[in-house]
């Protein structure tokens, strides 16, 4: 119902109602709802952008092994939205999301790795990101 209200399909568009429905589902551990709440706050759709809230919702879903949320949270770290910019943490989360089957993460992982190699970052930073991703897979790996 939250998606219908957010997108205005079959019911009038109403982001406030969408948030209420997503919150109800999120309270029951629904990772799609958690991720949708993160997206609403991070995008500023119908509300002022609140990246800190977006990060909070994405993190909750990521910890419940939602690959889309892992990828989205990685993007927040990559661009420093709602958290300090940290390319190694971004790489870690995006690598975990890729390992968990997120198609966007699979496609963009090499780009993120290339950004780690550029500028002041060295191969050691890439290795650090890969090592952290391997460790984090135990925490974030989905059960599929």
Protein backbone atom coordinates (compact mmCIF):
# COMPACT_ATOMS: atom_id res chain seq x y z
CA UNK A 1 0.00 0.00 0.00
CA UNK A 2 2.93 2.34 0.69
CA UNK A 3 4.17 1.97 -2.89
CA UNK A 4 0.69 2.69 -4.25
CA UNK A 5 0.43 5.87 -2.17
CA UNK A 6 3.99 6.95 -3.00
CA UNK A 7 3.58 6.38 -6.74
CA UNK A 8 -0.07 7.40 -7.04
CA UNK A 9 -1.17 4.11 -8.60
CA UNK A 10 -4.84 3.20 -8.00
CA UNK A 11 -4.93 5.79 -5.20
CA UNK A 12 -4.03 9.50 -5.13
CA UNK A 13 -0.33 10.28 -4.61
CA UNK A 14 0.23 10.90 -0.88
CA UNK A 15 3.77 10.66 0.47
CA UNK A 16 2.63 11.17 4.06
CA UNK A 17 0.38 8.12 3.84
CA UNK A 18 3.13 6.19 2.07
CA UNK A 19 5.50 6.88 4.95
CA UNK A 20 2.88 5.66 7.44
CA UNK A 21 2.36 2.42 5.52
CA UNK A 22 6.11 1.90 5.07
CA UNK A 23 6.63 2.57 8.78
CA UNK A 24 4.03 -0.07 9.71
CA UNK A 25 5.76 -2.63 7.49
CA UNK A 26 9.22 -1.55 8.69
CA UNK A 27 8.12 -2.08 12.29
CA UNK A 28 7.61 -5.74 11.32
CA UNK A 29 11.08 -6.05 9.77
CA UNK A 30 10.05 -5.60 6.13
CA UNK A 31 13.33 -4.70 4.43
CA UNK A 32 11.67 -3.29 1.30
CA UNK A 33 9.76 -0.84 3.51
CA UNK A 34 12.94 0.10 5.37
CA UNK A 35 14.70 0.69 2.05
CA UNK A 36 11.75 2.73 0.72
CA UNK A 37 11.84 4.94 3.80
CA UNK A 38 15.55 5.48 3.22
CA UNK A 39 14.88 6.44 -0.38
CA UNK A 40 12.10 8.87 0.52
CA UNK A 41 14.27 10.75 3.01
CA UNK A 42 17.43 10.62 0.88
CA UNK A 43 15.66 11.84 -2.26
CA UNK A 44 13.65 14.58 -0.62
CA UNK A 45 10.58 13.43 -2.53
CA UNK A 46 7.80 15.75 -1.31
CA UNK A 47 9.83 16.51 1.83
CA UNK A 48 13.12 18.27 2.52
CA UNK A 49 16.12 15.98 2.03
CA UNK A 50 17.20 14.35 5.29
CA UNK A 51 20.22 12.23 4.43
CA UNK A 52 20.85 11.25 8.05
CA UNK A 53 17.37 9.67 8.23
CA UNK A 54 17.93 8.07 4.83
CA UNK A 55 21.17 6.51 6.08
CA UNK A 56 19.47 5.30 9.24
CA UNK A 57 16.73 3.48 7.32
CA UNK A 58 19.15 2.08 4.73
CA UNK A 59 21.43 0.81 7.53
CA UNK A 60 18.56 -1.01 9.25
CA UNK A 61 17.64 -2.79 6.00
CA UNK A 62 21.31 -3.48 5.17
CA UNK A 63 21.81 -5.12 8.55
CA UNK A 64 18.84 -7.34 7.72
CA UNK A 65 20.77 -8.42 4.62
CA UNK A 66 18.82 -6.42 2.02
CA UNK A 67 21.17 -6.13 -0.98
CA UNK A 68 19.43 -3.05 -2.39
CA UNK A 69 19.83 -1.23 0.93
CA UNK A 70 23.48 -2.33 1.13
CA UNK A 71 24.03 -0.80 -2.30
CA UNK A 72 22.13 2.39 -1.41
CA UNK A 73 24.02 2.78 1.86
CA UNK A 74 27.27 2.31 -0.05
CA UNK A 75 26.22 5.16 -2.32
CA UNK A 76 25.61 7.40 0.68
CA UNK A 77 29.18 6.72 1.87
CA UNK A 78 30.58 7.16 -1.64
CA UNK A 79 29.12 10.66 -1.94
CA UNK A 80 29.22 11.64 1.74
CA UNK A 81 25.47 12.07 2.10
CA UNK A 82 24.34 11.79 5.71
CA UNK A 83 27.69 10.26 6.70
CA UNK A 84 31.30 11.33 6.27
CA UNK A 85 32.54 10.44 2.78
CA UNK A 86 34.37 7.11 2.98
CA UNK A 87 35.20 5.39 -0.29
CA UNK A 88 36.51 2.29 1.44
CA UNK A 89 33.26 1.82 3.37
CA UNK A 90 31.36 2.52 0.15
CA UNK A 91 33.37 -0.16 -1.64
CA UNK A 92 32.82 -2.57 1.23
CA UNK A 93 29.04 -2.17 1.20
CA UNK A 94 28.77 -2.23 -2.60
CA UNK A 95 30.93 -5.37 -2.76
CA UNK A 96 28.68 -7.05 -0.21
CA UNK A 97 25.59 -5.96 -2.17
CA UNK A 98 27.15 -7.38 -5.36
CA UNK A 99 27.90 -10.67 -3.59
CA UNK A 100 24.27 -10.70 -2.44
CA UNK A 101 23.06 -10.36 -6.02
CA UNK A 102 22.27 -6.66 -6.46
CA UNK A 103 22.64 -6.06 -10.21
CA UNK A 104 23.48 -2.35 -9.87
CA UNK A 105 26.22 -3.19 -7.38
CA UNK A 106 27.67 -5.80 -9.73
CA UNK A 107 27.76 -3.25 -12.58
CA UNK A 108 29.21 -0.39 -10.50
CA UNK A 109 31.68 -2.25 -8.29
CA UNK A 110 34.58 -1.84 -10.74
CA UNK A 111 33.85 1.91 -11.02
CA UNK A 112 34.03 2.27 -7.26
CA UNK A 113 37.23 0.24 -7.19
CA UNK A 114 38.69 2.52 -9.88
CA UNK A 115 37.82 5.56 -7.75
CA UNK A 116 39.74 3.98 -4.87
CA UNK A 117 42.80 3.63 -7.11
CA UNK A 118 42.66 7.24 -8.30
CA UNK A 119 43.84 10.37 -6.56
CA UNK A 120 45.50 9.94 -3.20
CA UNK A 121 44.17 6.47 -2.59
CA UNK A 122 46.49 3.56 -3.11
CA UNK A 123 46.28 -0.16 -3.79
CA UNK A 124 46.39 -0.62 -0.04
CA UNK A 125 43.01 1.14 0.21
CA UNK A 126 41.54 -1.18 -2.43
CA UNK A 127 42.94 -4.16 -0.52
CA UNK A 128 41.49 -2.76 2.71
CA UNK A 129 38.07 -2.43 1.07
CA UNK A 130 38.23 -5.98 -0.26
CA UNK A 131 39.32 -7.33 3.12
CA UNK A 132 36.53 -5.47 4.93
CA UNK A 133 34.00 -6.71 2.38
CA UNK A 134 35.10 -10.30 2.98
CA UNK A 135 34.67 -9.84 6.74
CA UNK A 136 31.37 -7.98 6.38
CA UNK A 137 29.90 -10.71 4.21
CA UNK A 138 29.44 -12.70 7.40
CA UNK A 139 27.35 -9.87 8.86
CA UNK A 140 25.52 -8.72 5.74
CA UNK A 141 25.37 -11.82 3.52
CA UNK A 142 21.83 -12.75 2.57
CA UNK A 143 20.62 -16.26 3.19
CA UNK A 144 19.99 -17.16 -0.48
